[in-house]
């Protein structure tokens, strides 16, 4: 007869240190005040606690439950449903490679495989120095810039295996890395706080966010009756010579 080891039940999550809890409570109240019903604040609250420790801990979920009058089971159900909430320690930079259909066809699968070998980690694993967590991600609505790599949700368009490896090497070495478009790069904890709804106080960051790239706006321009300066796709058999206006 085989013995079944049930183990000890998990103890309640510890609380934050008093000074940390006081600071988080002030931020949490600011979030809750934005909504007519407090439970609507759960998603940004999870970003808030993720900004504290880099992932959503049991302590963070207990804090959210206490502040919103929810059970920890209700908070856990939400935190485990969305992939943007991390459930274990992760790197300063979340490097996501889109492996959905178009990015995969354009080279996303090759980028992901080479990054795994280059970094020596698998999907959702972190480099030993704690700098980079690698993951494959689903479509991020940037198909016209495929293949796309995202670092802390900022876009790095039209990547190749070599350019992607240079990005992670620079991140690990502490060298400046600039997204193809959008706001300047910051750490994952800083990104989480911004996603919780707090201002990005870095000088020039908000102004640099910009909008869609030129390739994304071609359809809109055509719908408005405007003529693009250059054709984006050449009909089969048509020469590219002499185009442009």
C-alpha atoms as a PDB file:
ATOM      1  CA  UNK A   1       0.000   0.000   0.000  1.00  0.00           C
ATOM      2  CA  UNK A   2       1.367   3.397  -1.038  1.00  0.00           C
ATOM      3  CA  UNK A   3       1.511   6.181   1.523  1.00  0.00           C
ATOM      4  CA  UNK A   4      -0.040   9.459   0.393  1.00  0.00           C
ATOM      5  CA  UNK A   5       1.743  12.527   1.703  1.00  0.00           C
ATOM      6  CA  UNK A   6      -0.782  15.314   2.051  1.00  0.00           C
ATOM      7  CA  UNK A   7       1.659  17.783   3.580  1.00  0.00           C
ATOM      8  CA  UNK A   8       0.874  20.708   5.820  1.00  0.00           C
ATOM      9  CA  UNK A   9      -1.749  23.262   4.806  1.00  0.00           C
ATOM     10  CA  UNK A  10      -0.326  26.533   3.522  1.00  0.00           C
ATOM     11  CA  UNK A  11      -0.076  29.172   6.207  1.00  0.00           C
ATOM     12  CA  UNK A  12      -1.707  32.588   5.713  1.00  0.00           C
ATOM     13  CA  UNK A  13       0.434  35.010   3.747  1.00  0.00           C
ATOM     14  CA  UNK A  14       2.558  37.352   5.877  1.00  0.00           C
ATOM     15  CA  UNK A  15       1.752  41.047   5.839  1.00  0.00           C
ATOM     16  CA  UNK A  16       3.991  43.767   4.429  1.00  0.00           C
ATOM     17  CA  UNK A  17       6.282  45.570   6.875  1.00  0.00           C
ATOM     18  CA  UNK A  18       4.430  48.459   8.503  1.00  0.00           C
ATOM     19  CA  UNK A  19       6.165  51.220   6.531  1.00  0.00           C
ATOM     20  CA  UNK A  20       5.612  49.424   3.210  1.00  0.00           C
ATOM     21  CA  UNK A  21       1.957  48.764   3.976  1.00  0.00           C
ATOM     22  CA  UNK A  22       1.373  52.407   4.926  1.00  0.00           C
ATOM     23  CA  UNK A  23       2.840  53.570   1.620  1.00  0.00           C
ATOM     24  CA  UNK A  24       0.877  51.024  -0.404  1.00  0.00           C
ATOM     25  CA  UNK A  25      -2.355  51.856   1.425  1.00  0.00           C
ATOM     26  CA  UNK A  26      -2.030  55.513   0.395  1.00  0.00           C
ATOM     27  CA  UNK A  27      -1.510  54.484  -3.237  1.00  0.00           C
ATOM     28  CA  UNK A  28      -4.332  51.941  -3.045  1.00  0.00           C
ATOM     29  CA  UNK A  29      -6.797  54.537  -1.781  1.00  0.00           C
ATOM     30  CA  UNK A  30      -5.879  56.799  -4.687  1.00  0.00           C
ATOM     31  CA  UNK A  31      -6.648  53.927  -7.074  1.00  0.00           C
ATOM     32  CA  UNK A  32      -9.900  52.938  -5.358  1.00  0.00           C
ATOM     33  CA  UNK A  33     -11.164  56.522  -5.438  1.00  0.00           C
ATOM     34  CA  UNK A  34     -11.188  56.402  -9.248  1.00  0.00           C
ATOM     35  CA  UNK A  35     -14.014  53.852  -9.346  1.00  0.00           C
ATOM     36  CA  UNK A  36     -17.678  53.878  -8.272  1.00  0.00           C
ATOM     37  CA  UNK A  37     -17.252  50.329  -6.914  1.00  0.00           C
ATOM     38  CA  UNK A  38     -14.104  49.343  -5.075  1.00  0.00           C
ATOM     39  CA  UNK A  39     -13.779  45.877  -6.605  1.00  0.00           C
ATOM     40  CA  UNK A  40     -13.314  47.534 -10.025  1.00  0.00           C
ATOM     41  CA  UNK A  41      -9.903  48.660  -8.759  1.00  0.00           C
ATOM     42  CA  UNK A  42      -8.531  45.107  -8.587  1.00  0.00           C
ATOM     43  CA  UNK A  43      -6.608  45.107 -11.890  1.00  0.00           C
ATOM     44  CA  UNK A  44      -4.610  48.299 -11.192  1.00  0.00           C
ATOM     45  CA  UNK A  45      -4.171  47.182  -7.584  1.00  0.00           C
ATOM     46  CA  UNK A  46      -2.480  44.011  -8.806  1.00  0.00           C
ATOM     47  CA  UNK A  47      -0.135  46.161 -10.898  1.00  0.00           C
ATOM     48  CA  UNK A  48       0.561  48.213  -7.767  1.00  0.00           C
ATOM     49  CA  UNK A  49       1.657  45.228  -5.696  1.00  0.00           C
ATOM     50  CA  UNK A  50       3.595  43.872  -8.672  1.00  0.00           C
ATOM     51  CA  UNK A  51       5.508  47.154  -8.767  1.00  0.00           C
ATOM     52  CA  UNK A  52       6.556  46.537  -5.165  1.00  0.00           C
ATOM     53  CA  UNK A  53       8.191  43.129  -5.523  1.00  0.00           C
ATOM     54  CA  UNK A  54       8.314  42.507  -9.266  1.00  0.00           C
ATOM     55  CA  UNK A  55       5.586  39.888  -9.180  1.00  0.00           C
ATOM     56  CA  UNK A  56       2.245  39.259  -7.482  1.00  0.00           C
ATOM     57  CA  UNK A  57       3.073  37.552  -4.202  1.00  0.00           C
ATOM     58  CA  UNK A  58       0.670  35.918  -1.758  1.00  0.00           C
ATOM     59  CA  UNK A  59       1.263  38.946   0.460  1.00  0.00           C
ATOM     60  CA  UNK A  60       0.277  41.226  -2.424  1.00  0.00           C
ATOM     61  CA  UNK A  61      -2.913  39.278  -3.041  1.00  0.00           C
ATOM     62  CA  UNK A  62      -3.778  39.385   0.651  1.00  0.00           C
ATOM     63  CA  UNK A  63      -3.257  43.150   0.625  1.00  0.00           C
ATOM     64  CA  UNK A  64      -5.571  43.570  -2.395  1.00  0.00           C
ATOM     65  CA  UNK A  65      -8.227  41.411  -0.731  1.00  0.00           C
ATOM     66  CA  UNK A  66      -8.026  43.401   2.507  1.00  0.00           C
ATOM     67  CA  UNK A  67      -8.278  46.761   0.768  1.00  0.00           C
ATOM     68  CA  UNK A  68     -11.139  45.771  -1.544  1.00  0.00           C
ATOM     69  CA  UNK A  69     -13.202  43.596   0.777  1.00  0.00           C
ATOM     70  CA  UNK A  70     -12.636  40.499  -1.363  1.00  0.00           C
ATOM     71  CA  UNK A  71     -11.555  36.983  -0.521  1.00  0.00           C
ATOM     72  CA  UNK A  72      -8.048  35.903  -1.404  1.00  0.00           C
ATOM     73  CA  UNK A  73      -9.666  33.273  -3.663  1.00  0.00           C
ATOM     74  CA  UNK A  74     -11.342  36.034  -5.689  1.00  0.00           C
ATOM     75  CA  UNK A  75      -8.069  37.927  -6.028  1.00  0.00           C
ATOM     76  CA  UNK A  76      -6.156  34.766  -6.924  1.00  0.00           C
ATOM     77  CA  UNK A  77      -8.691  33.931  -9.648  1.00  0.00           C
ATOM     78  CA  UNK A  78      -7.983  37.248 -11.362  1.00  0.00           C
ATOM     79  CA  UNK A  79      -4.212  37.245 -10.797  1.00  0.00           C
ATOM     80  CA  UNK A  80      -3.872  33.782 -12.333  1.00  0.00           C
ATOM     81  CA  UNK A  81      -6.131  34.539 -15.309  1.00  0.00           C
ATOM     82  CA  UNK A  82      -4.082  37.361 -16.855  1.00  0.00           C
ATOM     83  CA  UNK A  83      -0.580  36.650 -18.117  1.00  0.00           C
ATOM     84  CA  UNK A  84       0.547  40.233 -17.395  1.00  0.00           C
ATOM     85  CA  UNK A  85       0.632  39.372 -13.687  1.00  0.00           C
ATOM     86  CA  UNK A  86       3.723  37.391 -12.733  1.00  0.00           C
ATOM     87  CA  UNK A  87       3.408  34.642 -10.146  1.00  0.00           C
ATOM     88  CA  UNK A  88       7.099  34.155  -9.395  1.00  0.00           C
ATOM     89  CA  UNK A  89      10.214  36.332  -9.265  1.00  0.00           C
ATOM     90  CA  UNK A  90      11.203  37.622 -12.669  1.00  0.00           C
ATOM     91  CA  UNK A  91      13.777  39.834 -14.317  1.00  0.00           C
ATOM     92  CA  UNK A  92      14.171  43.579 -14.517  1.00  0.00           C
ATOM     93  CA  UNK A  93      13.278  43.266 -18.198  1.00  0.00           C
ATOM     94  CA  UNK A  94      10.513  41.067 -19.558  1.00  0.00           C
ATOM     95  CA  UNK A  95      11.577  40.179 -23.099  1.00  0.00           C
ATOM     96  CA  UNK A  96       8.623  38.843 -25.038  1.00  0.00           C
ATOM     97  CA  UNK A  97       8.885  37.420 -28.544  1.00  0.00           C
ATOM     98  CA  UNK A  98       5.664  37.340 -30.534  1.00  0.00           C
ATOM     99  CA  UNK A  99       5.185  33.825 -31.889  1.00  0.00           C
ATOM    100  CA  UNK A 100       1.676  34.334 -33.221  1.00  0.00           C
ATOM    101  CA  UNK A 101       0.942  33.636 -36.864  1.00  0.00           C
ATOM    102  CA  UNK A 102       2.449  36.514 -38.840  1.00  0.00           C
ATOM    103  CA  UNK A 103       5.391  37.190 -36.530  1.00  0.00           C
ATOM    104  CA  UNK A 104       6.150  33.462 -36.476  1.00  0.00           C
ATOM    105  CA  UNK A 105       6.131  33.257 -40.278  1.00  0.00           C
ATOM    106  CA  UNK A 106       8.322  36.363 -40.523  1.00  0.00           C
ATOM    107  CA  UNK A 107      10.912  34.968 -38.137  1.00  0.00           C
ATOM    108  CA  UNK A 108       9.508  35.160 -34.605  1.00  0.00           C
ATOM    109  CA  UNK A 109       9.927  31.437 -33.989  1.00  0.00           C
ATOM    110  CA  UNK A 110      13.581  31.618 -35.049  1.00  0.00           C
ATOM    111  CA  UNK A 111      14.183  34.640 -32.801  1.00  0.00           C
ATOM    112  CA  UNK A 112      12.624  32.872 -29.816  1.00  0.00           C
ATOM    113  CA  UNK A 113      14.650  29.690 -30.313  1.00  0.00           C
ATOM    114  CA  UNK A 114      17.921  31.592 -30.712  1.00  0.00           C
ATOM    115  CA  UNK A 115      17.241  33.744 -27.643  1.00  0.00           C
ATOM    116  CA  UNK A 116      16.567  30.631 -25.549  1.00  0.00           C
ATOM    117  CA  UNK A 117      19.909  29.171 -26.605  1.00  0.00           C
ATOM    118  CA  UNK A 118      21.752  32.494 -26.299  1.00  0.00           C
ATOM    119  CA  UNK A 119      20.439  33.218 -22.789  1.00  0.00           C
ATOM    120  CA  UNK A 120      20.409  29.611 -21.607  1.00  0.00           C
ATOM    121  CA  UNK A 121      16.805  29.821 -20.396  1.00  0.00           C
ATOM    122  CA  UNK A 122      13.432  28.423 -21.409  1.00  0.00           C
ATOM    123  CA  UNK A 123      10.047  30.056 -21.722  1.00  0.00           C
ATOM    124  CA  UNK A 124       9.156  32.150 -18.643  1.00  0.00           C
ATOM    125  CA  UNK A 125      12.613  31.616 -17.173  1.00  0.00           C
ATOM    126  CA  UNK A 126      15.022  34.265 -15.920  1.00  0.00           C
ATOM    127  CA  UNK A 127      18.746  34.637 -16.478  1.00  0.00           C
ATOM    128  CA  UNK A 128      20.902  33.957 -13.392  1.00  0.00           C
ATOM    129  CA  UNK A 129      21.779  37.659 -13.067  1.00  0.00           C
ATOM    130  CA  UNK A 130      18.090  38.508 -12.674  1.00  0.00           C
ATOM    131  CA  UNK A 131      18.132  40.890 -15.630  1.00  0.00           C
ATOM    132  CA  UNK A 132      16.039  39.200 -18.314  1.00  0.00           C
ATOM    133  CA  UNK A 133      12.962  36.998 -18.275  1.00  0.00           C
ATOM    134  CA  UNK A 134      12.212  35.455 -21.667  1.00  0.00           C
ATOM    135  CA  UNK A 135       8.741  34.504 -22.836  1.00  0.00           C
ATOM    136  CA  UNK A 136       6.783  33.942 -25.990  1.00  0.00           C
ATOM    137  CA  UNK A 137       3.783  36.228 -26.283  1.00  0.00           C
ATOM    138  CA  UNK A 138       0.602  36.352 -28.289  1.00  0.00           C
ATOM    139  CA  UNK A 139      -0.292  39.034 -30.825  1.00  0.00           C
ATOM    140  CA  UNK A 140       0.426  42.590 -29.736  1.00  0.00           C
ATOM    141  CA  UNK A 141      -1.354  44.221 -32.697  1.00  0.00           C
ATOM    142  CA  UNK A 142       1.857  45.147 -34.487  1.00  0.00           C
ATOM    143  CA  UNK A 143       1.650  42.708 -37.393  1.00  0.00           C
ATOM    144  CA  UNK A 144       2.802  45.330 -39.893  1.00  0.00           C
ATOM    145  CA  UNK A 145       6.121  45.467 -38.037  1.00  0.00           C
ATOM    146  CA  UNK A 146       6.611  41.700 -37.784  1.00  0.00           C
ATOM    147  CA  UNK A 147       8.543  40.089 -36.261  1.00  0.00           C
ATOM    148  CA  UNK A 148       8.113  42.034 -33.040  1.00  0.00           C
ATOM    149  CA  UNK A 149       9.934  41.760 -29.716  1.00  0.00           C
ATOM    150  CA  UNK A 150       8.603  43.592 -26.664  1.00  0.00           C
ATOM    151  CA  UNK A 151      10.610  44.623 -23.618  1.00  0.00           C
ATOM    152  CA  UNK A 152       8.448  45.628 -20.654  1.00  0.00           C
ATOM    153  CA  UNK A 153       5.628  46.193 -23.180  1.00  0.00           C
ATOM    154  CA  UNK A 154       7.613  48.605 -25.355  1.00  0.00           C
ATOM    155  CA  UNK A 155       7.928  47.790 -29.052  1.00  0.00           C
ATOM    156  CA  UNK A 156      11.045  46.619 -30.854  1.00  0.00           C
ATOM    157  CA  UNK A 157       9.902  46.242 -34.454  1.00  0.00           C
ATOM    158  CA  UNK A 158      11.241  44.330 -37.456  1.00  0.00           C
ATOM    159  CA  UNK A 159      13.659  42.237 -35.433  1.00  0.00           C
ATOM    160  CA  UNK A 160      16.103  39.548 -36.477  1.00  0.00           C
ATOM    161  CA  UNK A 161      17.800  36.927 -34.325  1.00  0.00           C
ATOM    162  CA  UNK A 162      20.980  39.017 -34.305  1.00  0.00           C
ATOM    163  CA  UNK A 163      19.276  42.298 -33.386  1.00  0.00           C
ATOM    164  CA  UNK A 164      17.271  40.566 -30.642  1.00  0.00           C
ATOM    165  CA  UNK A 165      20.429  39.043 -29.177  1.00  0.00           C
ATOM    166  CA  UNK A 166      22.050  42.480 -29.191  1.00  0.00           C
ATOM    167  CA  UNK A 167      19.078  43.881 -27.255  1.00  0.00           C
ATOM    168  CA  UNK A 168      19.325  41.307 -24.463  1.00  0.00           C
ATOM    169  CA  UNK A 169      23.119  41.622 -24.336  1.00  0.00           C
ATOM    170  CA  UNK A 170      22.796  45.397 -23.912  1.00  0.00           C
ATOM    171  CA  UNK A 171      20.130  45.007 -21.229  1.00  0.00           C
ATOM    172  CA  UNK A 172      22.275  42.605 -19.242  1.00  0.00           C
ATOM    173  CA  UNK A 173      25.327  44.860 -19.589  1.00  0.00           C
ATOM    174  CA  UNK A 174      23.437  47.960 -18.470  1.00  0.00           C
ATOM    175  CA  UNK A 175      23.858  49.721 -21.810  1.00  0.00           C
ATOM    176  CA  UNK A 176      21.118  52.102 -23.044  1.00  0.00           C
ATOM    177  CA  UNK A 177      18.416  50.400 -25.096  1.00  0.00           C
ATOM    178  CA  UNK A 178      15.829  52.410 -27.025  1.00  0.00           C
ATOM    179  CA  UNK A 179      12.518  50.995 -28.279  1.00  0.00           C
ATOM    180  CA  UNK A 180      11.702  51.380 -31.963  1.00  0.00           C
ATOM    181  CA  UNK A 181       8.803  53.629 -31.003  1.00  0.00           C
ATOM    182  CA  UNK A 182       6.996  54.650 -27.871  1.00  0.00           C
ATOM    183  CA  UNK A 183       8.239  55.737 -24.472  1.00  0.00           C
ATOM    184  CA  UNK A 184      11.800  55.212 -23.242  1.00  0.00           C
ATOM    185  CA  UNK A 185      12.466  51.870 -21.619  1.00  0.00           C
ATOM    186  CA  UNK A 186      12.189  51.485 -17.843  1.00  0.00           C
ATOM    187  CA  UNK A 187      12.349  48.525 -15.474  1.00  0.00           C
ATOM    188  CA  UNK A 188       9.499  46.069 -15.080  1.00  0.00           C
ATOM    189  CA  UNK A 189       8.661  47.414 -11.610  1.00  0.00           C
ATOM    190  CA  UNK A 190       8.498  50.954 -12.969  1.00  0.00           C
ATOM    191  CA  UNK A 191       6.317  49.759 -15.842  1.00  0.00           C
ATOM    192  CA  UNK A 192       3.961  48.048 -13.396  1.00  0.00           C
ATOM    193  CA  UNK A 193       3.506  51.264 -11.425  1.00  0.00           C
ATOM    194  CA  UNK A 194       2.663  53.168 -14.602  1.00  0.00           C
ATOM    195  CA  UNK A 195       0.130  50.457 -15.508  1.00  0.00           C
ATOM    196  CA  UNK A 196      -1.394  50.924 -12.057  1.00  0.00           C
ATOM    197  CA  UNK A 197      -2.317  54.407 -13.242  1.00  0.00           C
ATOM    198  CA  UNK A 198       0.365  56.574 -11.696  1.00  0.00           C
ATOM    199  CA  UNK A 199       2.111  59.282 -13.748  1.00  0.00           C
ATOM    200  CA  UNK A 200       5.294  58.523 -15.613  1.00  0.00           C
ATOM    201  CA  UNK A 201       7.442  61.254 -14.096  1.00  0.00           C
ATOM    202  CA  UNK A 202      10.505  60.729 -16.265  1.00  0.00           C
ATOM    203  CA  UNK A 203      11.343  63.856 -18.223  1.00  0.00           C
ATOM    204  CA  UNK A 204      10.032  63.653 -21.793  1.00  0.00           C
ATOM    205  CA  UNK A 205       8.628  60.137 -21.390  1.00  0.00           C
ATOM    206  CA  UNK A 206       4.979  61.040 -21.953  1.00  0.00           C
ATOM    207  CA  UNK A 207       5.733  63.208 -24.976  1.00  0.00           C
ATOM    208  CA  UNK A 208       7.776  60.389 -26.493  1.00  0.00           C
ATOM    209  CA  UNK A 209       4.955  57.864 -26.454  1.00  0.00           C
ATOM    210  CA  UNK A 210       3.827  58.869 -29.951  1.00  0.00           C
ATOM    211  CA  UNK A 211       1.278  56.842 -31.881  1.00  0.00           C
ATOM    212  CA  UNK A 212       1.004  54.226 -34.577  1.00  0.00           C
ATOM    213  CA  UNK A 213       3.812  53.866 -37.093  1.00  0.00           C
ATOM    214  CA  UNK A 214       3.452  54.819 -40.781  1.00  0.00           C
ATOM    215  CA  UNK A 215       2.688  51.270 -41.922  1.00  0.00           C
ATOM    216  CA  UNK A 216      -0.225  51.060 -39.490  1.00  0.00           C
ATOM    217  CA  UNK A 217      -1.794  54.250 -40.838  1.00  0.00           C
ATOM    218  CA  UNK A 218      -1.812  53.465 -44.564  1.00  0.00           C
ATOM    219  CA  UNK A 219      -5.360  52.069 -44.483  1.00  0.00           C
ATOM    220  CA  UNK A 220      -6.617  55.117 -42.597  1.00  0.00           C
ATOM    221  CA  UNK A 221      -4.980  57.456 -45.080  1.00  0.00           C
ATOM    222  CA  UNK A 222      -6.510  55.585 -48.005  1.00  0.00           C
ATOM    223  CA  UNK A 223      -9.926  55.714 -46.337  1.00  0.00           C
ATOM    224  CA  UNK A 224      -9.555  59.494 -46.074  1.00  0.00           C
ATOM    225  CA  UNK A 225      -8.754  59.724 -49.777  1.00  0.00           C
ATOM    226  CA  UNK A 226      -5.092  60.457 -49.232  1.00  0.00           C
ATOM    227  CA  UNK A 227      -2.416  58.864 -51.388  1.00  0.00           C
ATOM    228  CA  UNK A 228       0.520  57.232 -49.610  1.00  0.00           C
ATOM    229  CA  UNK A 229       3.935  58.498 -50.605  1.00  0.00           C
ATOM    230  CA  UNK A 230       5.120  54.945 -51.239  1.00  0.00           C
ATOM    231  CA  UNK A 231       3.443  51.654 -51.853  1.00  0.00           C
ATOM    232  CA  UNK A 232       3.817  49.287 -48.943  1.00  0.00           C
ATOM    233  CA  UNK A 233       3.157  46.070 -50.893  1.00  0.00           C
ATOM    234  CA  UNK A 234       4.016  45.551 -54.563  1.00  0.00           C
ATOM    235  CA  UNK A 235       1.378  43.653 -56.546  1.00  0.00           C
ATOM    236  CA  UNK A 236       2.826  40.411 -57.849  1.00  0.00           C
ATOM    237  CA  UNK A 237       4.883  41.016 -60.984  1.00  0.00           C
ATOM    238  CA  UNK A 238       4.920  44.791 -60.663  1.00  0.00           C
ATOM    239  CA  UNK A 239       8.288  46.512 -60.638  1.00  0.00           C
ATOM    240  CA  UNK A 240       9.151  48.831 -57.784  1.00  0.00           C
ATOM    241  CA  UNK A 241      10.956  51.218 -60.107  1.00  0.00           C
ATOM    242  CA  UNK A 242       9.531  54.662 -60.646  1.00  0.00           C
ATOM    243  CA  UNK A 243       7.079  54.548 -57.754  1.00  0.00           C
ATOM    244  CA  UNK A 244       6.557  57.220 -55.168  1.00  0.00           C
ATOM    245  CA  UNK A 245       5.009  60.620 -55.494  1.00  0.00           C
END
